[in-house]
Amino acid sequence: MKKYFTCNDIEKSLYIAPNEIRSCCQRFFYNGKMRGDAKLLEIKDGITPSSKNIKEARENLFNEIQNKKSESCNGCPFLFETEKKPIFDSRINHLSIEHHSVCNLRCNYCSEIYYGGKRSKYNVIEFIKYLNEEKSFENCKQVVWGGGEPTLDKSFEIIVNEIDKHANPNLYHRVFTNAVRYHEAITKFLKKGLIKIVTSIDAGTKETFKVVRGRDKFINVFENLSLYSKIDPDKVTIKYILTNENCDEKNLDEFVKNCIKYKLDDCAYQISVNFKYDELKLDHLKKIIYLMFKLKDANINKFFCDDHIAARFKKLDKNDRDGIIKFIDENSYESVCLNFNNKIKNINIYGVGDIALNFLEKTNLMDSFEEINLFDGDPKKIGMKIKDIKIRNPNEVKNNDYRIYISTAQSFDDIYQNLIKMSVNKQRLISGLFI
């Protein structure tokens, strides 16, 4: 039977950029070259694309992948094999909006794509209205805002309201804001439960913040996040992107201290690494372990790695593994390395996406536990097997008392809150790393 290569982004995602529409914003290295950001359509003469254009562009990209002619997708770790050829249309499960690159920061790890003052070459508001007319948002689960700084354009508030008119009631917006300035619309939408925000801080001192983020706004960011967190800390995620400039112990220590000072301990914490690094080096892994330990030691327990780490994670060779084990043992970091010394005998993994697959395939997870159970909220995945392990319904997580690891970045806070609503004891929820 013929097999096809595809991914969820090609089939059901749209990414709105200033001068084009893409299927994704994934980035990876293949043959020493950064790839990804797969383009569907280039916008010419300000003409708003139609559903037919989107459908045809998806089909064309899919065919290029099958013929190994896609410069952006060849070698992508997020591609998977299927025996069923996808049917393409304009429906969306995931929408990313980065229609301008106007930003009030200049982060040293940022791509030139995401700053420089570019504005959309077409009417994005009209495009959103058009998609609504086509009922493209009926099954949309999430809208992600990036940029540029989303709140610097007046269309931010208009588009959120427009999508809210017609989308399914469970849809929410994940807004990547730098929180340099306080924004009334953010407060309004947080109170209505329409949005969740993600803010990168990436420093523990004012000096490092200026080096990494490009402006002296360290205190402003913490103060504004403190205000947003008072509304609902469960809707605030704080991100730390490891770079060569900010991964020393002083910055990591001071970052955690400031998070406590500004009462951000109930927020979620996302740990990442500069996407321009083509692999996760041993030193990066040590710093990730150190930061996780400092968070846990400060009684901050909602932390996780994102897919930039998971996608670059390679199985440690014997020398590297011995080095990590020595590092953990000498510093007593066992609490954040979940398969260290087999202290946890059985485990439930909730979320069977790219992060989970990377852990299952590229770490020693499979050899570290007596029993591994997999859970996922996607009805299409329930009943399937990964590594001969059946994927179960999330409700079945209450059938045992094993510890629970949430293996997703984008939906971490959703799953966390769902488990709490299911009356799952917080003590069962664990955060950390597999080696």
Protein backbone atom coordinates (compact mmCIF):
# COMPACT_ATOMS: atom_id res chain seq x y z
CA MET A 1 0.00 0.00 0.00
CA LYS A 2 1.26 3.46 -0.91
CA LYS A 3 2.40 5.67 1.97
CA TYR A 4 2.36 9.42 2.15
CA PHE A 5 4.33 11.97 4.16
CA THR A 6 2.27 14.72 5.75
CA CYS A 7 1.83 16.71 8.96
CA ASN A 8 -0.99 18.34 10.89
CA ASP A 9 0.15 21.82 9.90
CA ILE A 10 -0.09 21.16 6.16
CA GLU A 11 -3.61 19.83 6.53
CA LYS A 12 -5.25 22.10 9.09
CA SER A 13 -3.04 25.07 10.02
CA LEU A 14 -2.58 28.57 8.67
CA TYR A 15 0.11 31.05 9.52
CA ILE A 16 -0.53 34.67 8.52
CA ALA A 17 2.68 36.62 7.79
CA PRO A 18 3.06 40.18 6.45
CA ASN A 19 3.52 39.18 2.83
CA GLU A 20 2.60 35.51 2.69
CA ILE A 21 0.58 32.71 4.20
CA ARG A 22 2.44 29.67 5.53
CA SER A 23 1.44 26.26 6.80
CA CYS A 24 3.69 26.44 9.85
CA CYS A 25 6.40 28.30 11.76
CA GLN A 26 8.42 25.19 12.64
CA ARG A 27 12.19 25.45 12.30
CA PHE A 28 14.74 22.64 12.14
CA PHE A 29 18.17 21.87 10.75
CA TYR A 30 18.68 19.51 7.81
CA ASN A 31 22.04 18.93 6.17
CA GLY A 32 23.45 21.84 8.14
CA LYS A 33 20.83 24.33 6.92
CA MET A 34 17.90 25.81 8.83
CA ARG A 35 14.60 24.92 7.18
CA GLY A 36 10.90 25.22 7.95
CA ASP A 37 8.49 28.18 7.77
CA ALA A 38 6.76 26.36 4.91
CA LYS A 39 5.18 28.89 2.53
CA LEU A 40 1.77 28.27 1.01
CA LEU A 41 1.01 31.56 -0.72
CA GLU A 42 2.86 34.75 -1.50
CA ILE A 43 0.56 37.76 -1.37
CA LYS A 44 0.79 39.89 -4.50
CA ASP A 45 -0.82 43.24 -5.25
CA GLY A 46 -2.64 43.21 -1.91
CA ILE A 47 -5.13 40.60 -3.14
CA THR A 48 -6.78 38.61 -0.34
CA PRO A 49 -6.53 34.87 -1.07
CA SER A 50 -9.60 32.65 -1.45
CA SER A 51 -10.38 29.25 0.03
CA LYS A 52 -9.61 27.75 -3.38
CA ASN A 53 -6.15 29.32 -3.31
CA ILE A 54 -5.48 27.86 0.15
CA LYS A 55 -6.73 24.39 -0.87
CA GLU A 56 -4.56 24.37 -4.02
CA ALA A 57 -1.50 25.62 -2.14
CA ARG A 58 -1.86 22.88 0.48
CA GLU A 59 -2.13 20.24 -2.24
CA ASN A 60 0.91 21.64 -4.08
CA LEU A 61 3.06 21.62 -0.93
CA PHE A 62 1.91 18.09 -0.11
CA ASN A 63 2.90 16.89 -3.62
CA GLU A 64 6.30 18.60 -3.36
CA ILE A 65 6.95 16.69 -0.12
CA GLN A 66 6.07 13.35 -1.73
CA ASN A 67 8.50 14.09 -4.56
CA LYS A 68 11.17 15.37 -2.12
CA LYS A 69 11.13 18.75 -3.83
CA SER A 70 10.14 20.89 -0.86
CA GLU A 71 13.07 23.02 0.25
CA SER A 72 11.27 24.01 3.45
CA CYS A 73 9.93 20.57 4.49
CA ASN A 74 12.53 17.96 3.44
CA GLY A 75 13.97 16.37 6.57
CA CYS A 76 11.36 17.89 8.90
CA PRO A 77 11.09 15.88 12.16
CA PHE A 78 7.36 16.68 12.37
CA LEU A 79 6.44 14.78 9.18
CA PHE A 80 4.77 11.42 9.65
CA GLU A 81 3.74 8.54 7.37
CA THR A 82 0.13 7.72 6.58
CA GLU A 83 -1.60 5.29 4.24
CA LYS A 84 -4.53 7.66 3.74
CA LYS A 85 -4.06 10.65 1.45
CA PRO A 86 -5.33 13.85 3.12
CA ILE A 87 -8.31 15.80 1.78
CA PHE A 88 -7.51 19.51 1.65
CA ASP A 89 -9.84 22.45 2.22
CA SER A 90 -9.79 25.81 4.06
CA ARG A 91 -10.77 24.49 7.50
CA ILE A 92 -8.43 25.40 10.34
CA ASN A 93 -7.60 23.67 13.62
CA HIS A 94 -4.78 26.09 14.40
CA LEU A 95 -4.27 29.70 13.28
CA SER A 96 -1.11 31.77 13.82
CA ILE A 97 -1.29 35.52 13.30
CA GLU A 98 1.98 37.34 12.76
CA HIS A 99 0.82 39.80 10.15
CA HIS A 100 3.32 42.49 11.07
CA SER A 101 6.88 42.69 12.37
CA VAL A 102 6.60 45.91 14.35
CA CYS A 103 8.31 45.35 17.69
CA ASN A 104 9.57 47.49 20.57
CA LEU A 105 12.37 45.04 21.40
CA ARG A 106 15.37 43.73 19.45
CA CYS A 107 16.07 40.26 20.82
CA ASN A 108 19.46 38.94 19.75
CA TYR A 109 18.10 35.46 18.97
CA CYS A 110 15.20 36.69 16.86
CA SER A 111 15.00 36.10 13.13
CA GLU A 112 14.98 39.09 10.81
CA ILE A 113 11.58 37.79 9.71
CA TYR A 114 10.03 38.87 12.99
CA TYR A 115 11.10 42.47 13.30
CA GLY A 116 11.83 45.39 11.03
CA GLY A 117 8.55 47.21 10.90
CA LYS A 118 6.88 45.26 8.08
CA ARG A 119 3.11 45.52 7.87
CA SER A 120 0.69 43.26 6.06
CA LYS A 121 0.34 43.73 2.32
CA TYR A 122 -3.34 42.81 2.46
CA ASN A 123 -6.31 43.47 4.72
CA VAL A 124 -5.97 40.84 7.44
CA ILE A 125 -9.25 41.84 9.09
CA GLU A 126 -11.08 41.21 5.82
CA PHE A 127 -9.26 37.90 5.44
CA ILE A 128 -10.43 36.82 8.92
CA LYS A 129 -13.99 37.84 8.04
CA TYR A 130 -13.73 35.83 4.84
CA LEU A 131 -12.57 32.75 6.74
CA ASN A 132 -15.51 33.16 9.11
CA GLU A 133 -17.88 33.22 6.14
CA GLU A 134 -16.33 29.96 4.95
CA LYS A 135 -16.86 28.47 8.43
CA SER A 136 -13.14 27.76 8.61
CA PHE A 137 -13.06 28.28 12.39
CA GLU A 138 -15.75 25.76 13.30
CA ASN A 139 -13.19 23.29 14.65
CA CYS A 140 -10.42 25.75 15.42
CA LYS A 141 -8.93 25.11 18.84
CA GLN A 142 -6.38 27.85 19.19
CA VAL A 143 -5.25 31.16 17.68
CA VAL A 144 -1.62 32.06 18.37
CA TRP A 145 -0.45 35.67 18.17
CA GLY A 146 3.19 36.51 17.58
CA GLY A 147 5.13 39.01 15.64
CA GLY A 148 6.36 41.58 16.12
CA GLU A 149 4.56 42.64 19.23
CA PRO A 150 0.84 41.84 18.64
CA THR A 151 -0.49 44.67 20.79
CA LEU A 152 1.31 47.38 18.81
CA ASP A 153 -1.23 47.12 15.99
CA LYS A 154 -4.82 48.33 16.48
CA SER A 155 -6.06 45.29 14.57
CA PHE A 156 -5.22 43.07 17.57
CA GLU A 157 -8.36 43.92 19.50
CA ILE A 158 -10.55 44.01 16.37
CA ILE A 159 -9.46 40.55 15.18
CA VAL A 160 -9.88 38.92 18.61
CA ASN A 161 -13.43 40.25 18.76
CA GLU A 162 -14.17 39.24 15.15
CA ILE A 163 -13.03 35.63 15.65
CA ASP A 164 -14.93 35.43 18.93
CA LYS A 165 -18.17 36.23 17.08
CA HIS A 166 -18.20 33.08 14.99
CA ALA A 167 -15.68 30.55 16.31
CA ASN A 168 -16.44 27.58 18.49
CA PRO A 169 -16.93 28.56 22.15
CA ASN A 170 -13.88 26.60 23.35
CA LEU A 171 -11.42 28.49 21.16
CA TYR A 172 -8.91 30.72 22.91
CA HIS A 173 -6.07 33.03 21.85
CA ARG A 174 -2.50 32.45 22.96
CA VAL A 175 -0.78 35.83 22.78
CA PHE A 176 3.00 36.04 22.73
CA THR A 177 3.51 39.49 24.18
CA ASN A 178 6.75 40.97 25.47
CA ALA A 179 4.78 42.78 28.22
CA VAL A 180 7.01 45.85 27.87
CA ARG A 181 3.92 48.01 28.13
CA TYR A 182 0.68 47.42 29.96
CA HIS A 183 -2.24 46.94 27.55
CA GLU A 184 -5.90 47.40 28.54
CA ALA A 185 -7.07 44.94 25.87
CA ILE A 186 -4.93 42.20 27.43
CA THR A 187 -6.57 42.84 30.79
CA LYS A 188 -10.05 42.89 29.26
CA PHE A 189 -9.57 39.62 27.37
CA LEU A 190 -7.92 37.89 30.35
CA LYS A 191 -10.96 38.75 32.47
CA LYS A 192 -13.27 37.38 29.77
CA GLY A 193 -11.22 34.19 29.51
CA LEU A 194 -10.57 34.75 25.80
CA ILE A 195 -6.79 34.80 25.91
CA LYS A 196 -3.71 33.33 27.53
CA ILE A 197 -0.38 35.13 27.38
CA VAL A 198 3.21 33.96 26.98
CA THR A 199 6.09 36.29 27.78
CA SER A 200 9.80 35.62 27.34
CA ILE A 201 12.03 37.18 29.98
CA ASP A 202 15.31 35.41 29.21
CA ALA A 203 17.38 37.13 31.89
CA GLY A 204 17.86 37.44 35.59
CA THR A 205 19.40 40.91 35.62
CA LYS A 206 18.67 44.25 33.99
CA GLU A 207 22.05 44.16 32.28
CA THR A 208 21.51 40.77 30.68
CA PHE A 209 17.94 41.65 29.68
CA LYS A 210 19.27 44.64 27.75
CA VAL A 211 21.85 42.45 26.00
CA VAL A 212 19.40 39.66 25.08
CA ARG A 213 16.16 41.61 24.60
CA GLY A 214 17.65 44.86 23.30
CA ARG A 215 16.11 47.43 25.72
CA ASP A 216 16.29 48.38 29.38
CA LYS A 217 12.75 47.23 30.28
CA PHE A 218 13.46 44.41 32.74
CA ILE A 219 11.44 45.84 35.65
CA ASN A 220 8.58 46.99 33.39
CA VAL A 221 8.05 43.42 32.20
CA PHE A 222 7.94 41.95 35.69
CA GLU A 223 5.57 44.68 36.93
CA ASN A 224 3.15 44.19 34.02
CA LEU A 225 3.23 40.40 34.35
CA SER A 226 2.45 40.80 38.03
CA LEU A 227 -0.66 42.83 37.12
CA TYR A 228 -1.80 40.27 34.54
CA SER A 229 -1.12 37.38 36.91
CA LYS A 230 -3.37 38.89 39.58
CA ILE A 231 -6.29 38.42 37.16
CA ASP A 232 -5.57 34.71 36.55
CA PRO A 233 -2.08 33.17 36.98
CA ASP A 234 -3.21 30.03 35.16
CA LYS A 235 -3.45 32.09 31.98
CA VAL A 236 0.12 33.43 32.20
CA THR A 237 3.15 31.48 30.95
CA ILE A 238 6.67 32.81 31.48
CA LYS A 239 9.30 31.66 29.03
CA TYR A 240 13.05 31.44 29.42
CA ILE A 241 14.99 30.95 26.19
CA LEU A 242 18.53 29.80 26.94
CA THR A 243 21.25 31.64 25.03
CA ASN A 244 24.99 31.85 25.52
CA GLU A 245 24.50 35.21 27.28
CA ASN A 246 21.90 34.25 29.88
CA CYS A 247 22.60 30.68 30.97
CA ASP A 248 25.06 31.38 33.79
CA GLU A 249 23.99 30.49 37.32
CA LYS A 250 23.75 34.13 38.42
CA ASN A 251 21.13 34.94 35.77
CA LEU A 252 19.17 31.74 36.39
CA ASP A 253 19.22 32.33 40.16
CA GLU A 254 18.15 35.97 39.88
CA PHE A 255 15.43 35.12 37.37
CA VAL A 256 13.80 32.72 39.85
CA LYS A 257 14.20 35.22 42.72
CA ASN A 258 12.45 37.94 40.70
CA CYS A 259 9.62 35.57 39.79
CA ILE A 260 9.01 35.02 43.49
CA LYS A 261 9.43 38.73 44.30
CA TYR A 262 6.71 39.69 41.81
CA LYS A 263 4.42 36.85 42.96
CA LEU A 264 4.54 34.85 39.74
CA ASP A 265 4.97 31.47 41.41
CA ASP A 266 1.52 30.20 40.28
CA CYS A 267 2.25 30.84 36.60
CA ALA A 268 3.52 28.17 34.19
CA TYR A 269 7.16 28.22 33.06
CA GLN A 270 8.29 27.22 29.60
CA ILE A 271 11.99 26.46 29.03
CA SER A 272 13.40 26.74 25.54
CA VAL A 273 16.69 27.15 23.73
CA ASN A 274 17.79 29.53 20.98
CA PHE A 275 16.19 28.10 17.82
CA LYS A 276 19.35 28.97 15.85
CA TYR A 277 21.27 26.21 17.69
CA ASP A 278 21.23 23.12 15.50
CA GLU A 279 21.49 20.69 18.42
CA LEU A 280 21.00 20.47 22.14
CA LYS A 281 24.51 20.33 23.58
CA LEU A 282 25.47 18.69 26.83
CA ASP A 283 26.12 22.07 28.48
CA HIS A 284 22.64 23.28 27.47
CA LEU A 285 21.13 20.19 29.06
CA LYS A 286 23.00 20.84 32.31
CA LYS A 287 21.69 24.42 32.41
CA ILE A 288 18.15 23.24 31.73
CA ILE A 289 18.43 20.81 34.65
CA TYR A 290 19.83 23.57 36.86
CA LEU A 291 16.99 25.99 36.01
CA MET A 292 14.37 23.31 36.58
CA PHE A 293 15.88 22.52 39.95
CA LYS A 294 15.92 26.19 41.02
CA LEU A 295 12.26 26.55 40.02
CA LYS A 296 11.28 23.44 41.94
CA ASP A 297 13.34 24.53 44.93
CA ALA A 298 11.35 27.81 44.93
CA ASN A 299 8.12 25.78 45.01
CA ILE A 300 7.34 26.57 41.37
CA ASN A 301 6.11 23.25 40.03
CA LYS A 302 4.51 24.05 36.66
CA PHE A 303 7.45 24.01 34.27
CA PHE A 304 8.11 22.22 31.01
CA CYS A 305 10.37 22.16 27.95
CA ASP A 306 9.02 23.25 24.59
CA ASP A 307 9.41 21.57 21.21
CA HIS A 308 12.57 23.51 20.33
CA ILE A 309 14.29 21.39 22.95
CA ALA A 310 12.40 18.19 22.21
CA ALA A 311 13.09 18.34 18.47
CA ARG A 312 16.80 18.83 19.03
CA PHE A 313 17.15 16.29 21.78
CA LYS A 314 19.44 13.47 20.78
CA LYS A 315 19.92 10.25 22.69
CA LEU A 316 22.94 10.64 24.90
CA ASP A 317 25.94 8.42 24.17
CA LYS A 318 27.58 6.61 27.08
CA ASN A 319 30.11 9.35 27.82
CA ASP A 320 27.48 12.09 27.78
CA ARG A 321 25.10 10.04 29.89
CA ASP A 322 27.84 9.30 32.41
CA GLY A 323 28.64 13.02 32.51
CA ILE A 324 25.01 13.96 33.14
CA ILE A 325 24.58 11.29 35.81
CA LYS A 326 27.70 12.58 37.56
CA PHE A 327 26.41 16.18 37.28
CA ILE A 328 23.03 15.20 38.74
CA ASP A 329 24.53 13.08 41.50
CA GLU A 330 27.12 15.65 42.60
CA ASN A 331 24.50 18.41 42.82
CA SER A 332 21.51 16.39 44.07
CA TYR A 333 19.31 17.27 41.07
CA GLU A 334 17.51 13.91 41.04
CA SER A 335 14.10 15.50 41.60
CA VAL A 336 13.91 17.02 38.11
CA CYS A 337 15.37 14.08 36.17
CA LEU A 338 12.42 11.75 36.16
CA ASN A 339 14.11 8.57 35.00
CA PHE A 340 17.19 8.99 37.15
CA ASN A 341 18.02 5.94 39.29
CA ASN A 342 14.56 4.52 38.57
CA LYS A 343 13.05 6.17 41.64
CA ILE A 344 9.68 6.37 39.88
CA LYS A 345 8.61 2.83 38.92
CA ASN A 346 5.52 3.59 36.82
CA ILE A 347 4.42 6.68 34.91
CA ASN A 348 1.47 8.15 32.99
CA ILE A 349 2.34 10.36 30.02
CA TYR A 350 -0.46 12.72 29.00
CA GLY A 351 -0.13 14.10 25.47
CA VAL A 352 1.16 11.97 22.61
CA GLY A 353 2.49 14.56 20.21
CA ASP A 354 5.93 15.48 18.91
CA ILE A 355 7.44 16.02 22.37
CA ALA A 356 6.30 12.63 23.65
CA LEU A 357 7.53 10.88 20.50
CA ASN A 358 10.95 12.50 20.87
CA PHE A 359 11.17 11.37 24.49
CA LEU A 360 10.04 7.84 23.61
CA GLU A 361 12.45 7.51 20.70
CA LYS A 362 15.48 9.58 21.69
CA THR A 363 15.84 9.17 25.44
CA ASN A 364 16.14 6.21 27.79
CA LEU A 365 12.52 6.56 28.91
CA MET A 366 11.45 3.16 27.56
CA ASP A 367 14.06 1.34 29.65
CA SER A 368 13.49 3.38 32.81
CA PHE A 369 10.01 2.38 34.00
CA GLU A 370 8.23 -0.87 34.78
CA GLU A 371 4.99 0.43 33.27
CA ILE A 372 4.31 3.38 30.93
CA ASN A 373 0.77 4.48 30.11
CA LEU A 374 -0.06 6.95 27.34
CA PHE A 375 -3.07 9.30 27.32
CA ASP A 376 -4.35 11.82 24.79
CA GLY A 377 -7.48 13.93 24.41
CA ASP A 378 -7.61 13.51 20.63
CA PRO A 379 -10.30 10.89 19.84
CA LYS A 380 -8.40 9.93 16.66
CA LYS A 381 -5.37 8.85 18.70
CA ILE A 382 -7.20 6.86 21.39
CA GLY A 383 -6.74 3.14 20.72
CA MET A 384 -3.62 3.60 18.60
CA LYS A 385 -0.31 2.12 19.75
CA ILE A 386 3.08 3.79 20.10
CA LYS A 387 5.99 1.50 20.93
CA ASP A 388 3.35 -1.20 21.59
CA ILE A 389 1.75 1.04 24.22
CA LYS A 390 -1.96 1.69 23.72
CA ILE A 391 -3.09 5.34 23.88
CA ARG A 392 -5.89 5.68 26.41
CA ASN A 393 -8.76 8.02 27.13
CA PRO A 394 -7.75 10.80 29.59
CA ASN A 395 -10.49 9.72 32.03
CA GLU A 396 -8.59 6.47 32.57
CA VAL A 397 -5.77 8.36 34.25
CA LYS A 398 -7.83 8.04 37.44
CA ASN A 399 -7.70 4.24 37.22
CA ASN A 400 -4.25 4.18 38.83
CA ASP A 401 -2.22 6.31 41.22
CA TYR A 402 0.91 6.66 39.03
CA ARG A 403 2.63 10.01 38.65
CA ILE A 404 1.52 12.06 35.60
CA TYR A 405 3.84 13.82 33.16
CA ILE A 406 2.32 16.38 30.75
CA SER A 407 4.26 16.04 27.50
CA THR A 408 3.12 19.05 25.51
CA ALA A 409 4.07 22.71 25.30
CA GLN A 410 1.15 24.44 23.61
CA SER A 411 -1.52 22.69 25.66
CA PHE A 412 0.35 22.27 28.94
CA ASP A 413 -1.83 24.68 30.92
CA ASP A 414 -5.06 23.29 29.39
CA ILE A 415 -4.19 19.73 30.37
CA TYR A 416 -2.99 20.81 33.81
CA GLN A 417 -6.28 22.54 34.57
CA ASN A 418 -8.32 19.68 33.13
CA LEU A 419 -6.58 17.23 35.46
CA ILE A 420 -7.29 19.49 38.44
CA LYS A 421 -10.96 19.65 37.40
CA MET A 422 -10.94 15.84 37.31
CA SER A 423 -9.95 15.97 41.02
CA VAL A 424 -6.50 14.56 40.31
CA ASN A 425 -4.18 15.24 43.24
CA LYS A 426 -1.59 17.90 42.35
CA GLN A 427 1.06 15.71 43.98
CA ARG A 428 0.68 13.28 41.11
CA LEU A 429 1.64 15.92 38.54
CA ILE A 430 5.38 15.99 37.92
CA SER A 431 7.61 18.27 35.87
CA GLY A 432 11.14 17.57 34.77
CA LEU A 433 13.26 15.97 32.09
CA PHE A 434 13.95 12.53 30.71
CA ILE A 435 17.55 11.68 29.87
